[in-house]
Amino acid sequence: MSRMFCLLMISIIPGSAAGQRGAADEYQLKAAMLYNLAQFVEWPASAYPDAHTPIVLCIEGKDPFGSFLSSTVLKQTVNGRAMRILHLQNVAEARGCHILYIGTSERKSIDQIFSTLKGASVLTVGEMTQFAAHGGMIQFSLEDQHVRFDINLDAASQAGLRISSKLLVLAQIVKN
């Protein structure tokens, strides 16, 4: 990963957490990455009803981030927009999200989720095997204790999203 992106992620991880290892720290880093993705994605103007509309980050399924995501993200803004976190009760709510993290617990309903989101400008993020290859936009994976990610540009483009070249150079590009 580039130094800039790593510094952005580490900058929102409190003090000693950046140097520790383990599953909790993996999800702290992934939570930071999830937040930072919003800085590298451009949504169409129609995704925001007005200038004060927050970026809505939704979690579908089991939340692996614990309190770290909400305690960090709720204090931040991206491009002048506050961030809001929602834990979805049903998949129909997903169309109101800007970023949708799909937990591995939703593996069996992934096709239904993607079908529900067809035509919506929602950045889909997950970590299931082949998530990006099956239509998800950004897939996190852990390799040698480093979080890596794959990006499906076709899926992002179909949703009207533009991903910055600064992020693309760090990722592996996959196709459906």
N, C-alpha and C. Protein backbone atom coordinates (compact mmCIF):
# COMPACT_ATOMS: atom_id res chain seq x y z
N MET A 1 0.84 -1.18 0.00
CA MET A 1 0.00 0.00 0.00
C MET A 1 0.88 1.24 0.00
N SER A 2 0.36 2.29 -0.53
CA SER A 2 1.15 3.52 -0.55
C SER A 2 1.22 4.09 0.86
N ARG A 3 2.24 4.88 1.09
CA ARG A 3 2.41 5.50 2.40
C ARG A 3 1.25 6.41 2.73
N MET A 4 0.75 7.17 1.74
CA MET A 4 -0.34 8.11 1.99
C MET A 4 -1.56 7.38 2.53
N PHE A 5 -1.96 6.29 1.90
CA PHE A 5 -3.15 5.58 2.32
C PHE A 5 -2.94 4.96 3.70
N CYS A 6 -1.76 4.39 3.92
CA CYS A 6 -1.47 3.80 5.24
C CYS A 6 -1.50 4.87 6.33
N LEU A 7 -0.93 6.03 6.05
CA LEU A 7 -0.95 7.10 7.03
C LEU A 7 -2.36 7.58 7.31
N LEU A 8 -3.19 7.65 6.29
CA LEU A 8 -4.59 8.04 6.50
C LEU A 8 -5.28 7.06 7.42
N MET A 9 -5.02 5.77 7.21
CA MET A 9 -5.68 4.76 8.03
C MET A 9 -5.16 4.78 9.45
N ILE A 10 -3.86 4.86 9.61
CA ILE A 10 -3.28 4.84 10.94
C ILE A 10 -3.65 6.09 11.71
N SER A 11 -3.85 7.20 11.01
CA SER A 11 -4.14 8.46 11.69
C SER A 11 -5.43 8.43 12.49
N ILE A 12 -6.36 7.53 12.16
CA ILE A 12 -7.59 7.49 12.95
C ILE A 12 -7.62 6.31 13.91
N ILE A 13 -6.52 5.54 13.95
CA ILE A 13 -6.44 4.45 14.92
C ILE A 13 -5.77 5.01 16.17
N PRO A 14 -6.42 4.94 17.31
CA PRO A 14 -5.85 5.51 18.52
C PRO A 14 -4.50 4.89 18.88
N GLY A 15 -3.62 5.72 19.39
CA GLY A 15 -2.29 5.40 19.88
C GLY A 15 -1.76 4.01 19.69
N SER A 16 -1.86 3.15 20.69
CA SER A 16 -1.21 1.86 20.66
C SER A 16 -1.90 0.84 19.78
N ALA A 17 -3.13 1.09 19.38
CA ALA A 17 -3.85 0.09 18.58
C ALA A 17 -3.17 -0.17 17.26
N ALA A 18 -2.50 0.82 16.69
CA ALA A 18 -1.87 0.65 15.40
C ALA A 18 -0.72 -0.34 15.48
N GLY A 19 -0.10 -0.51 16.63
CA GLY A 19 1.04 -1.40 16.73
C GLY A 19 0.71 -2.79 17.23
N GLN A 20 -0.50 -3.03 17.67
CA GLN A 20 -0.87 -4.34 18.20
C GLN A 20 -1.30 -5.27 17.08
N ARG A 21 -1.34 -6.57 17.38
CA ARG A 21 -1.77 -7.56 16.39
C ARG A 21 -2.93 -8.36 16.95
N GLY A 22 -3.64 -9.06 16.05
CA GLY A 22 -4.73 -9.91 16.49
C GLY A 22 -6.00 -9.59 15.73
N ALA A 23 -7.03 -10.42 15.96
CA ALA A 23 -8.30 -10.26 15.25
C ALA A 23 -8.94 -8.92 15.52
N ALA A 24 -8.90 -8.46 16.77
CA ALA A 24 -9.50 -7.15 17.07
C ALA A 24 -8.80 -6.06 16.30
N ASP A 25 -7.47 -6.12 16.22
CA ASP A 25 -6.72 -5.11 15.50
C ASP A 25 -6.97 -5.20 13.99
N GLU A 26 -7.18 -6.42 13.49
CA GLU A 26 -7.53 -6.58 12.08
C GLU A 26 -8.80 -5.80 11.77
N TYR A 27 -9.78 -5.89 12.63
CA TYR A 27 -11.04 -5.20 12.37
C TYR A 27 -10.96 -3.71 12.69
N GLN A 28 -10.04 -3.31 13.54
CA GLN A 28 -9.81 -1.88 13.71
C GLN A 28 -9.24 -1.29 12.43
N LEU A 29 -8.28 -2.00 11.83
CA LEU A 29 -7.70 -1.54 10.57
C LEU A 29 -8.73 -1.55 9.45
N LYS A 30 -9.53 -2.60 9.38
CA LYS A 30 -10.57 -2.67 8.35
C LYS A 30 -11.62 -1.57 8.56
N ALA A 31 -11.93 -1.26 9.80
CA ALA A 31 -12.86 -0.16 10.08
C ALA A 31 -12.28 1.16 9.60
N ALA A 32 -11.00 1.36 9.85
CA ALA A 32 -10.34 2.58 9.38
C ALA A 32 -10.34 2.64 7.85
N MET A 33 -10.10 1.51 7.22
CA MET A 33 -10.12 1.46 5.77
C MET A 33 -11.53 1.75 5.24
N LEU A 34 -12.52 1.20 5.88
CA LEU A 34 -13.91 1.42 5.48
C LEU A 34 -14.24 2.91 5.52
N TYR A 35 -13.86 3.56 6.59
CA TYR A 35 -14.07 5.00 6.70
C TYR A 35 -13.30 5.75 5.60
N ASN A 36 -12.04 5.40 5.41
CA ASN A 36 -11.20 6.11 4.45
C ASN A 36 -11.62 5.89 3.00
N LEU A 37 -12.33 4.83 2.71
CA LEU A 37 -12.80 4.61 1.34
C LEU A 37 -13.65 5.79 0.87
N ALA A 38 -14.40 6.38 1.78
CA ALA A 38 -15.28 7.49 1.41
C ALA A 38 -14.49 8.67 0.85
N GLN A 39 -13.22 8.79 1.20
CA GLN A 39 -12.39 9.88 0.70
C GLN A 39 -11.92 9.64 -0.73
N PHE A 40 -12.02 8.40 -1.18
CA PHE A 40 -11.50 8.05 -2.50
C PHE A 40 -12.59 7.64 -3.49
N VAL A 41 -13.84 7.83 -3.11
CA VAL A 41 -14.96 7.48 -3.98
C VAL A 41 -15.80 8.72 -4.20
N GLU A 42 -16.25 8.91 -5.43
CA GLU A 42 -17.11 10.04 -5.76
C GLU A 42 -18.48 9.50 -6.15
N TRP A 43 -19.51 9.97 -5.43
CA TRP A 43 -20.88 9.58 -5.70
C TRP A 43 -21.51 10.61 -6.63
N PRO A 44 -22.49 10.20 -7.42
CA PRO A 44 -23.19 11.19 -8.25
C PRO A 44 -23.95 12.17 -7.36
N ALA A 45 -24.18 13.37 -7.87
CA ALA A 45 -24.89 14.40 -7.11
C ALA A 45 -26.25 13.90 -6.61
N SER A 46 -26.89 13.03 -7.37
CA SER A 46 -28.20 12.51 -6.99
C SER A 46 -28.17 11.64 -5.72
N ALA A 47 -26.98 11.24 -5.28
CA ALA A 47 -26.86 10.41 -4.07
C ALA A 47 -27.07 11.22 -2.80
N TYR A 48 -27.05 12.55 -2.94
CA TYR A 48 -27.21 13.43 -1.79
C TYR A 48 -28.33 14.41 -2.05
N PRO A 49 -29.43 14.33 -1.31
CA PRO A 49 -30.54 15.26 -1.50
C PRO A 49 -30.16 16.72 -1.30
N ASP A 50 -29.21 16.98 -0.38
CA ASP A 50 -28.77 18.36 -0.17
C ASP A 50 -27.34 18.37 0.37
N ALA A 51 -26.80 19.56 0.55
CA ALA A 51 -25.41 19.73 0.97
C ALA A 51 -25.14 19.24 2.40
N HIS A 52 -26.18 19.05 3.18
CA HIS A 52 -26.01 18.64 4.57
C HIS A 52 -26.27 17.14 4.78
N THR A 53 -26.61 16.43 3.73
CA THR A 53 -26.87 15.00 3.85
C THR A 53 -25.59 14.27 4.25
N PRO A 54 -25.63 13.48 5.31
CA PRO A 54 -24.43 12.75 5.72
C PRO A 54 -24.14 11.57 4.80
N ILE A 55 -22.92 11.10 4.87
CA ILE A 55 -22.56 9.85 4.22
C ILE A 55 -23.06 8.74 5.13
N VAL A 56 -23.88 7.86 4.60
CA VAL A 56 -24.48 6.80 5.40
C VAL A 56 -23.71 5.51 5.15
N LEU A 57 -23.07 5.02 6.20
CA LEU A 57 -22.31 3.78 6.16
C LEU A 57 -23.17 2.72 6.86
N CYS A 58 -23.55 1.70 6.12
CA CYS A 58 -24.45 0.68 6.66
C CYS A 58 -23.74 -0.66 6.84
N ILE A 59 -24.21 -1.41 7.81
CA ILE A 59 -23.72 -2.76 8.06
C ILE A 59 -24.89 -3.71 7.86
N GLU A 60 -24.69 -4.68 6.97
CA GLU A 60 -25.69 -5.73 6.73
C GLU A 60 -25.12 -7.02 7.29
N GLY A 61 -25.82 -7.61 8.24
CA GLY A 61 -25.35 -8.85 8.84
C GLY A 61 -24.57 -8.59 10.12
N LYS A 62 -23.83 -9.60 10.54
CA LYS A 62 -23.07 -9.52 11.78
C LYS A 62 -21.97 -8.46 11.65
N ASP A 63 -21.89 -7.59 12.65
CA ASP A 63 -20.93 -6.49 12.67
C ASP A 63 -19.63 -6.95 13.35
N PRO A 64 -18.53 -7.12 12.57
CA PRO A 64 -17.27 -7.57 13.17
C PRO A 64 -16.45 -6.43 13.78
N PHE A 65 -16.90 -5.18 13.63
CA PHE A 65 -16.11 -4.03 14.03
C PHE A 65 -16.29 -3.63 15.50
N GLY A 66 -17.31 -4.16 16.15
CA GLY A 66 -17.56 -3.78 17.53
C GLY A 66 -17.84 -2.29 17.63
N SER A 67 -17.43 -1.69 18.71
CA SER A 67 -17.70 -0.27 18.91
C SER A 67 -16.68 0.63 18.21
N PHE A 68 -15.60 0.04 17.69
CA PHE A 68 -14.56 0.85 17.10
C PHE A 68 -15.06 1.67 15.91
N LEU A 69 -15.83 1.07 15.05
CA LEU A 69 -16.31 1.78 13.86
C LEU A 69 -17.14 2.99 14.25
N SER A 70 -18.11 2.79 15.10
CA SER A 70 -18.97 3.92 15.45
C SER A 70 -18.23 4.97 16.27
N SER A 71 -17.37 4.58 17.17
CA SER A 71 -16.67 5.57 17.99
C SER A 71 -15.68 6.39 17.17
N THR A 72 -15.19 5.83 16.08
CA THR A 72 -14.24 6.55 15.23
C THR A 72 -14.96 7.35 14.16
N VAL A 73 -15.83 6.72 13.43
CA VAL A 73 -16.47 7.34 12.27
C VAL A 73 -17.37 8.50 12.66
N LEU A 74 -18.09 8.37 13.75
CA LEU A 74 -19.04 9.41 14.12
C LEU A 74 -18.38 10.73 14.48
N LYS A 75 -17.08 10.72 14.72
CA LYS A 75 -16.35 11.93 15.04
C LYS A 75 -15.76 12.58 13.78
N GLN A 76 -15.87 11.94 12.65
CA GLN A 76 -15.18 12.37 11.43
C GLN A 76 -16.14 12.97 10.41
N THR A 77 -15.56 13.74 9.50
CA THR A 77 -16.30 14.19 8.32
C THR A 77 -15.47 13.84 7.10
N VAL A 78 -16.14 13.71 5.98
CA VAL A 78 -15.48 13.45 4.71
C VAL A 78 -16.02 14.47 3.72
N ASN A 79 -15.12 15.26 3.16
CA ASN A 79 -15.51 16.31 2.22
C ASN A 79 -16.63 17.19 2.79
N GLY A 80 -16.53 17.49 4.07
CA GLY A 80 -17.50 18.36 4.72
C GLY A 80 -18.79 17.69 5.13
N ARG A 81 -18.91 16.41 4.90
CA ARG A 81 -20.13 15.67 5.27
C ARG A 81 -19.88 14.83 6.51
N ALA A 82 -20.82 14.88 7.43
CA ALA A 82 -20.76 14.01 8.60
C ALA A 82 -21.00 12.58 8.13
N MET A 83 -20.63 11.65 8.98
CA MET A 83 -20.89 10.24 8.68
C MET A 83 -21.90 9.71 9.68
N ARG A 84 -22.73 8.82 9.20
CA ARG A 84 -23.76 8.18 10.02
C ARG A 84 -23.67 6.68 9.80
N ILE A 85 -23.85 5.91 10.84
CA ILE A 85 -23.79 4.45 10.73
C ILE A 85 -25.15 3.87 11.02
N LEU A 86 -25.57 2.95 10.16
CA LEU A 86 -26.82 2.22 10.36
C LEU A 86 -26.56 0.73 10.32
N HIS A 87 -27.19 0.01 11.22
CA HIS A 87 -27.20 -1.44 11.18
C HIS A 87 -28.55 -1.83 10.59
N LEU A 88 -28.53 -2.39 9.42
CA LEU A 88 -29.77 -2.65 8.69
C LEU A 88 -30.58 -3.77 9.31
N GLN A 89 -31.90 -3.59 9.27
CA GLN A 89 -32.83 -4.60 9.75
C GLN A 89 -33.30 -5.49 8.62
N ASN A 90 -33.34 -4.93 7.41
CA ASN A 90 -33.68 -5.73 6.23
C ASN A 90 -32.97 -5.15 5.02
N VAL A 91 -32.82 -5.96 4.01
CA VAL A 91 -32.02 -5.61 2.83
C VAL A 91 -32.62 -4.43 2.06
N ALA A 92 -33.91 -4.20 2.14
CA ALA A 92 -34.54 -3.09 1.41
C ALA A 92 -34.00 -1.74 1.87
N GLU A 93 -33.54 -1.65 3.11
CA GLU A 93 -32.98 -0.41 3.63
C GLU A 93 -31.64 -0.04 2.98
N ALA A 94 -31.01 -1.01 2.34
CA ALA A 94 -29.67 -0.82 1.78
C ALA A 94 -29.61 0.25 0.70
N ARG A 95 -30.70 0.50 0.02
CA ARG A 95 -30.72 1.51 -1.05
C ARG A 95 -30.52 2.92 -0.50
N GLY A 96 -30.70 3.12 0.79
CA GLY A 96 -30.49 4.42 1.41
C GLY A 96 -29.07 4.62 1.93
N CYS A 97 -28.19 3.69 1.64
CA CYS A 97 -26.80 3.76 2.11
C CYS A 97 -25.90 4.35 1.02
N HIS A 98 -24.77 4.88 1.43
CA HIS A 98 -23.73 5.27 0.49
C HIS A 98 -22.66 4.18 0.44
N ILE A 99 -22.34 3.64 1.60
CA ILE A 99 -21.39 2.52 1.71
C ILE A 99 -22.12 1.41 2.45
N LEU A 100 -22.05 0.21 1.90
CA LEU A 100 -22.68 -0.94 2.54
C LEU A 100 -21.64 -2.02 2.77
N TYR A 101 -21.34 -2.27 4.06
CA TYR A 101 -20.48 -3.39 4.42
C TYR A 101 -21.38 -4.60 4.57
N ILE A 102 -21.09 -5.65 3.81
CA ILE A 102 -21.89 -6.87 3.85
C ILE A 102 -21.09 -7.93 4.60
N GLY A 103 -21.55 -8.26 5.78
CA GLY A 103 -20.85 -9.24 6.62
C GLY A 103 -20.87 -10.64 6.03
N THR A 104 -19.90 -11.44 6.42
CA THR A 104 -19.81 -12.80 5.91
C THR A 104 -21.02 -13.64 6.31
N SER A 105 -21.75 -13.20 7.33
CA SER A 105 -22.96 -13.92 7.74
C SER A 105 -24.03 -13.86 6.65
N GLU A 106 -23.87 -12.96 5.69
CA GLU A 106 -24.88 -12.78 4.63
C GLU A 106 -24.51 -13.50 3.33
N ARG A 107 -23.58 -14.43 3.41
CA ARG A 107 -23.09 -15.16 2.23
C ARG A 107 -24.24 -15.75 1.41
N LYS A 108 -25.21 -16.33 2.07
CA LYS A 108 -26.30 -17.01 1.34
C LYS A 108 -27.28 -16.03 0.69
N SER A 109 -27.31 -14.79 1.14
CA SER A 109 -28.26 -13.83 0.57
C SER A 109 -27.58 -12.75 -0.28
N ILE A 110 -26.33 -12.98 -0.66
CA ILE A 110 -25.58 -11.97 -1.41
C ILE A 110 -26.23 -11.64 -2.75
N ASP A 111 -26.74 -12.64 -3.45
CA ASP A 111 -27.39 -12.38 -4.74
C ASP A 111 -28.62 -11.50 -4.56
N GLN A 112 -29.40 -11.73 -3.51
CA GLN A 112 -30.58 -10.91 -3.23
C GLN A 112 -30.16 -9.47 -2.90
N ILE A 113 -29.08 -9.33 -2.15
CA ILE A 113 -28.61 -7.99 -1.80
C ILE A 113 -28.19 -7.24 -3.06
N PHE A 114 -27.40 -7.87 -3.91
CA PHE A 114 -26.96 -7.22 -5.14
C PHE A 114 -28.14 -6.89 -6.04
N SER A 115 -29.13 -7.77 -6.08
CA SER A 115 -30.32 -7.51 -6.89
C SER A 115 -31.09 -6.30 -6.36
N THR A 116 -31.21 -6.19 -5.05
CA THR A 116 -31.90 -5.06 -4.41
C THR A 116 -31.18 -3.75 -4.72
N LEU A 117 -29.86 -3.80 -4.83
CA LEU A 117 -29.06 -2.59 -5.04
C LEU A 117 -28.91 -2.19 -6.51
N LYS A 118 -29.39 -3.01 -7.42
CA LYS A 118 -29.23 -2.72 -8.84
C LYS A 118 -29.76 -1.31 -9.14
N GLY A 119 -28.91 -0.48 -9.76
CA GLY A 119 -29.29 0.88 -10.11
C GLY A 119 -29.08 1.90 -9.01
N ALA A 120 -28.69 1.47 -7.81
CA ALA A 120 -28.45 2.38 -6.69
C ALA A 120 -26.96 2.72 -6.61
N SER A 121 -26.64 3.91 -6.18
CA SER A 121 -25.24 4.35 -6.04
C SER A 121 -24.73 4.01 -4.65
N VAL A 122 -24.57 2.71 -4.41
CA VAL A 122 -24.13 2.22 -3.10
C VAL A 122 -22.83 1.46 -3.29
N LEU A 123 -21.79 1.88 -2.60
CA LEU A 123 -20.50 1.20 -2.63
C LEU A 123 -20.59 -0.04 -1.75
N THR A 124 -20.45 -1.21 -2.35
CA THR A 124 -20.54 -2.46 -1.59
C THR A 124 -19.15 -2.94 -1.21
N VAL A 125 -19.00 -3.29 0.07
CA VAL A 125 -17.72 -3.72 0.62
C VAL A 125 -17.95 -5.00 1.40
N GLY A 126 -17.07 -5.98 1.22
CA GLY A 126 -17.18 -7.22 1.95
C GLY A 126 -15.83 -7.91 2.03
N GLU A 127 -15.82 -9.06 2.68
CA GLU A 127 -14.57 -9.80 2.78
C GLU A 127 -14.74 -11.29 2.52
N MET A 128 -15.90 -11.67 2.00
CA MET A 128 -16.09 -13.07 1.64
C MET A 128 -15.23 -13.42 0.43
N THR A 129 -14.87 -14.66 0.32
CA THR A 129 -14.11 -15.13 -0.83
C THR A 129 -14.90 -14.85 -2.10
N GLN A 130 -14.24 -14.31 -3.10
CA GLN A 130 -14.83 -14.01 -4.41
C GLN A 130 -15.91 -12.93 -4.37
N PHE A 131 -15.95 -12.11 -3.32
CA PHE A 131 -16.94 -11.05 -3.20
C PHE A 131 -16.90 -10.11 -4.40
N ALA A 132 -15.72 -9.61 -4.72
CA ALA A 132 -15.59 -8.67 -5.84
C ALA A 132 -15.83 -9.36 -7.18
N ALA A 133 -15.39 -10.56 -7.33
CA ALA A 133 -15.58 -11.29 -8.58
C ALA A 133 -17.05 -11.60 -8.85
N HIS A 134 -17.86 -11.63 -7.80
CA HIS A 134 -19.29 -11.92 -7.95
C HIS A 134 -20.16 -10.67 -7.94
N GLY A 135 -19.56 -9.49 -8.05
CA GLY A 135 -20.35 -8.27 -8.16
C GLY A 135 -20.19 -7.27 -7.05
N GLY A 136 -19.49 -7.62 -5.98
CA GLY A 136 -19.18 -6.65 -4.94
C GLY A 136 -18.14 -5.66 -5.47
N MET A 137 -18.07 -4.49 -4.90
CA MET A 137 -17.16 -3.48 -5.44
C MET A 137 -15.78 -3.50 -4.80
N ILE A 138 -15.72 -3.67 -3.48
CA ILE A 138 -14.42 -3.72 -2.80
C ILE A 138 -14.42 -4.90 -1.85
N GLN A 139 -13.39 -5.72 -1.98
CA GLN A 139 -13.25 -6.91 -1.15
C GLN A 139 -11.98 -6.80 -0.33
N PHE A 140 -12.12 -6.85 1.00
CA PHE A 140 -10.97 -6.87 1.89
C PHE A 140 -10.49 -8.31 2.04
N SER A 141 -9.18 -8.48 2.18
CA SER A 141 -8.62 -9.79 2.51
C SER A 141 -7.39 -9.56 3.37
N LEU A 142 -7.00 -10.56 4.10
CA LEU A 142 -5.84 -10.47 4.97
C LEU A 142 -4.76 -11.39 4.42
N GLU A 143 -3.59 -10.82 4.10
CA GLU A 143 -2.45 -11.58 3.60
C GLU A 143 -1.22 -11.17 4.40
N ASP A 144 -0.57 -12.13 5.01
CA ASP A 144 0.63 -11.85 5.79
C ASP A 144 0.42 -10.71 6.77
N GLN A 145 -0.67 -10.72 7.47
CA GLN A 145 -1.05 -9.73 8.48
C GLN A 145 -1.19 -8.32 7.91
N HIS A 146 -1.47 -8.22 6.61
CA HIS A 146 -1.74 -6.94 5.95
C HIS A 146 -3.10 -7.03 5.28
N VAL A 147 -3.88 -5.97 5.42
CA VAL A 147 -5.18 -5.94 4.76
C VAL A 147 -4.96 -5.50 3.32
N ARG A 148 -5.44 -6.30 2.41
CA ARG A 148 -5.36 -6.02 0.97
C ARG A 148 -6.79 -5.85 0.47
N PHE A 149 -6.93 -5.33 -0.74
CA PHE A 149 -8.27 -5.23 -1.28
C PHE A 149 -8.29 -5.36 -2.79
N ASP A 150 -9.39 -5.92 -3.26
CA ASP A 150 -9.68 -6.06 -4.68
C ASP A 150 -10.80 -5.09 -4.99
N ILE A 151 -10.77 -4.54 -6.20
CA ILE A 151 -11.82 -3.62 -6.63
C ILE A 151 -12.41 -4.10 -7.94
N ASN A 152 -13.73 -4.12 -7.99
CA ASN A 152 -14.46 -4.45 -9.21
C ASN A 152 -14.93 -3.13 -9.81
N LEU A 153 -14.15 -2.61 -10.76
CA LEU A 153 -14.46 -1.31 -11.37
C LEU A 153 -15.75 -1.35 -12.16
N ASP A 154 -16.04 -2.47 -12.80
CA ASP A 154 -17.28 -2.57 -13.57
C ASP A 154 -18.50 -2.39 -12.68
N ALA A 155 -18.49 -3.05 -11.53
CA ALA A 155 -19.62 -2.93 -10.59
C ALA A 155 -19.75 -1.50 -10.08
N ALA A 156 -18.63 -0.86 -9.76
CA ALA A 156 -18.66 0.53 -9.28
C ALA A 156 -19.18 1.46 -10.36
N SER A 157 -18.72 1.27 -11.58
CA SER A 157 -19.15 2.11 -12.70
C SER A 157 -20.65 1.96 -12.96
N GLN A 158 -21.16 0.74 -12.89
CA GLN A 158 -22.59 0.50 -13.11
C GLN A 158 -23.43 1.20 -12.04
N ALA A 159 -22.86 1.43 -10.87
CA ALA A 159 -23.57 2.12 -9.79
C ALA A 159 -23.37 3.63 -9.86
N GLY A 160 -22.63 4.11 -10.86
CA GLY A 160 -22.41 5.54 -11.01
C GLY A 160 -21.34 6.08 -10.08
N LEU A 161 -20.48 5.21 -9.56
CA LEU A 161 -19.43 5.62 -8.64
C LEU A 161 -18.09 5.74 -9.37
N ARG A 162 -17.32 6.74 -8.97
CA ARG A 162 -15.98 6.91 -9.51
C ARG A 162 -14.98 6.69 -8.40
N ILE A 163 -14.04 5.80 -8.62
CA ILE A 163 -13.02 5.49 -7.62
C ILE A 163 -11.73 6.17 -8.03
N SER A 164 -11.13 6.88 -7.10
CA SER A 164 -9.91 7.63 -7.35
C SER A 164 -8.76 6.73 -7.80
N SER A 165 -7.96 7.25 -8.71
CA SER A 165 -6.78 6.51 -9.17
C SER A 165 -5.80 6.29 -8.01
N LYS A 166 -5.84 7.15 -6.99
CA LYS A 166 -4.98 6.97 -5.82
C LYS A 166 -5.31 5.69 -5.08
N LEU A 167 -6.55 5.28 -5.11
CA LEU A 167 -6.96 4.03 -4.48
C LEU A 167 -6.74 2.86 -5.43
N LEU A 168 -7.00 3.08 -6.70
CA LEU A 168 -6.87 2.00 -7.68
C LEU A 168 -5.45 1.46 -7.78
N VAL A 169 -4.45 2.32 -7.63
CA VAL A 169 -3.06 1.84 -7.74
C VAL A 169 -2.69 0.90 -6.60
N LEU A 170 -3.46 0.92 -5.53
CA LEU A 170 -3.17 0.07 -4.38
C LEU A 170 -3.90 -1.26 -4.42
N ALA A 171 -4.82 -1.40 -5.35
CA ALA A 171 -5.71 -2.56 -5.35
C ALA A 171 -5.42 -3.50 -6.51
N GLN A 172 -5.97 -4.68 -6.39
CA GLN A 172 -6.01 -5.60 -7.51
C GLN A 172 -7.37 -5.41 -8.15
N ILE A 173 -7.40 -5.22 -9.46
CA ILE A 173 -8.64 -5.00 -10.19
C ILE A 173 -9.18 -6.36 -10.62
N VAL A 174 -10.46 -6.60 -10.34
CA VAL A 174 -11.10 -7.85 -10.75
C VAL A 174 -12.32 -7.54 -11.60
N LYS A 175 -12.78 -8.53 -12.31
CA LYS A 175 -13.97 -8.40 -13.14
C LYS A 175 -14.98 -9.44 -12.70
N ASN A 176 -16.29 -9.15 -13.03
CA ASN A 176 -17.37 -10.11 -12.71
C ASN A 176 -17.10 -11.42 -13.41
